[in-house]
């Protein structure tokens, strides 16, 4: 597999992670509206809660690079994370690429590509009820 092809797959993975982040936010705001999400609405509990907001349905939940489902954390309220939205992971590719890096999704909804040492150092989001 050439470097150009790997870059294309990485770009596609990040695009899908962005779609997942947007779907997560929409699912948080669903139900009785935005106010409900802020004061007591239920965060997404699993993939089925995101499906109405994903343009390609379940296919969006699989990384084009490694063919594995993205690892996603459920029942997370991004705004309540202790380490900040851009420093806390909501999801990531299940396997690293040949350089040890992988695409990740921050609680802010933004995707990124991080190397193995960065990935190991990043905080994982804490599901509602699991926070210290």
Protein backbone atom coordinates (compact mmCIF):
# COMPACT_ATOMS: atom_id res chain seq x y z
CA UNK A 1 0.00 0.00 0.00
CA UNK A 2 1.49 3.34 -1.04
CA UNK A 3 1.86 6.40 1.12
CA UNK A 4 -0.72 8.29 -0.97
CA UNK A 5 -3.29 5.55 -0.44
CA UNK A 6 -2.63 5.52 3.32
CA UNK A 7 -3.04 9.30 3.45
CA UNK A 8 -6.35 9.00 1.59
CA UNK A 9 -7.59 6.36 4.06
CA UNK A 10 -6.48 8.54 7.00
CA UNK A 11 -8.36 11.50 5.54
CA UNK A 12 -11.48 9.39 5.07
CA UNK A 13 -11.23 8.09 8.65
CA UNK A 14 -10.98 11.64 9.99
CA UNK A 15 -13.97 12.70 7.88
CA UNK A 16 -16.04 9.84 9.30
CA UNK A 17 -14.92 10.64 12.84
CA UNK A 18 -16.06 14.24 12.30
CA UNK A 19 -19.46 12.91 11.16
CA UNK A 20 -19.62 10.74 14.29
CA UNK A 21 -18.78 13.76 16.47
CA UNK A 22 -21.55 15.79 14.81
CA UNK A 23 -24.00 12.90 15.23
CA UNK A 24 -23.03 12.60 18.92
CA UNK A 25 -23.79 16.29 19.45
CA UNK A 26 -27.11 16.01 17.61
CA UNK A 27 -28.07 12.97 19.67
CA UNK A 28 -27.25 14.90 22.86
CA UNK A 29 -29.60 17.67 21.77
CA UNK A 30 -32.40 15.34 20.66
CA UNK A 31 -35.50 14.59 22.62
CA UNK A 32 -36.91 17.64 24.33
CA UNK A 33 -34.40 20.02 22.81
CA UNK A 34 -31.11 21.65 23.68
CA UNK A 35 -32.12 22.64 27.22
CA UNK A 36 -33.00 19.01 27.95
CA UNK A 37 -29.54 17.91 26.84
CA UNK A 38 -27.89 20.43 29.15
CA UNK A 39 -29.92 19.64 32.25
CA UNK A 40 -30.72 15.99 32.08
CA UNK A 41 -31.15 14.53 28.62
CA UNK A 42 -29.52 11.19 28.03
CA UNK A 43 -26.16 11.05 26.27
CA UNK A 44 -25.90 8.47 23.46
CA UNK A 45 -25.81 4.97 24.95
CA UNK A 46 -24.71 3.12 21.83
CA UNK A 47 -24.51 3.15 18.04
CA UNK A 48 -28.28 3.02 17.56
CA UNK A 49 -28.57 6.49 19.12
CA UNK A 50 -26.33 7.94 16.39
CA UNK A 51 -27.82 6.19 13.35
CA UNK A 52 -30.51 8.81 12.61
CA UNK A 53 -27.76 11.41 12.26
CA UNK A 54 -25.21 9.45 10.21
CA UNK A 55 -25.53 9.94 6.44
CA UNK A 56 -24.20 6.45 5.65
CA UNK A 57 -25.62 4.71 8.70
CA UNK A 58 -23.56 1.98 10.35
CA UNK A 59 -20.88 2.15 7.63
CA UNK A 60 -19.80 5.49 9.12
CA UNK A 61 -18.89 3.69 12.35
CA UNK A 62 -16.15 1.64 10.66
CA UNK A 63 -12.68 2.97 9.89
CA UNK A 64 -11.84 2.84 6.18
CA UNK A 65 -8.16 2.41 7.08
CA UNK A 66 -8.28 -0.75 9.20
CA UNK A 67 -11.82 -1.99 8.47
CA UNK A 68 -12.53 -2.17 12.22
CA UNK A 69 -15.33 -0.38 14.06
CA UNK A 70 -14.14 2.83 15.68
CA UNK A 71 -13.75 2.54 19.44
CA UNK A 72 -16.36 4.96 20.81
CA UNK A 73 -17.15 5.86 24.38
CA UNK A 74 -20.85 6.01 25.27
CA UNK A 75 -22.91 7.90 27.87
CA UNK A 76 -20.42 10.80 27.73
CA UNK A 77 -21.29 14.43 28.32
CA UNK A 78 -18.41 16.21 26.57
CA UNK A 79 -18.94 19.49 28.42
CA UNK A 80 -18.42 17.72 31.78
CA UNK A 81 -15.00 16.24 31.03
CA UNK A 82 -12.33 17.29 33.51
CA UNK A 83 -9.44 17.61 31.06
CA UNK A 84 -11.02 19.82 28.41
CA UNK A 85 -12.81 19.09 25.16
CA UNK A 86 -9.70 19.22 22.99
CA UNK A 87 -7.61 17.07 25.34
CA UNK A 88 -10.09 14.24 25.95
CA UNK A 89 -10.85 11.40 23.55
CA UNK A 90 -14.36 10.32 22.63
CA UNK A 91 -13.28 7.79 20.00
CA UNK A 92 -10.39 6.40 17.96
CA UNK A 93 -9.34 3.82 15.42
CA UNK A 94 -9.02 0.34 16.91
CA UNK A 95 -5.55 -0.27 15.49
CA UNK A 96 -2.53 1.91 14.85
CA UNK A 97 -1.11 2.33 11.36
CA UNK A 98 2.36 1.11 10.40
CA UNK A 99 3.85 4.34 11.81
CA UNK A 100 2.11 3.78 15.16
CA UNK A 101 -0.41 6.59 14.68
CA UNK A 102 -4.17 6.57 14.50
CA UNK A 103 -7.10 8.88 13.90
CA UNK A 104 -8.92 10.05 17.01
CA UNK A 105 -12.05 12.03 17.88
CA UNK A 106 -11.86 14.59 20.66
CA UNK A 107 -14.85 15.48 22.84
CA UNK A 108 -14.88 18.82 21.01
CA UNK A 109 -16.03 16.92 17.92
CA UNK A 110 -12.79 17.48 16.04
CA UNK A 111 -10.80 14.60 14.58
CA UNK A 112 -7.01 14.44 14.48
CA UNK A 113 -4.17 12.10 13.64
CA UNK A 114 -1.89 11.38 16.60
CA UNK A 115 1.28 9.34 17.03
CA UNK A 116 1.49 6.47 19.52
CA UNK A 117 3.09 8.53 22.31
CA UNK A 118 0.43 11.24 22.01
CA UNK A 119 -2.33 8.64 21.95
CA UNK A 120 -1.03 6.99 25.11
CA UNK A 121 -0.92 10.33 26.93
CA UNK A 122 -4.43 11.54 26.01
CA UNK A 123 -7.26 11.27 28.50
CA UNK A 124 -10.27 9.10 27.69
CA UNK A 125 -13.73 10.55 28.26
CA UNK A 126 -15.51 9.39 31.39
CA UNK A 127 -19.05 8.11 30.88
CA UNK A 128 -21.77 9.75 32.92
CA UNK A 129 -21.80 8.26 36.40
CA UNK A 130 -18.18 7.05 36.14
CA UNK A 131 -16.52 10.38 36.89
CA UNK A 132 -14.63 10.82 40.16
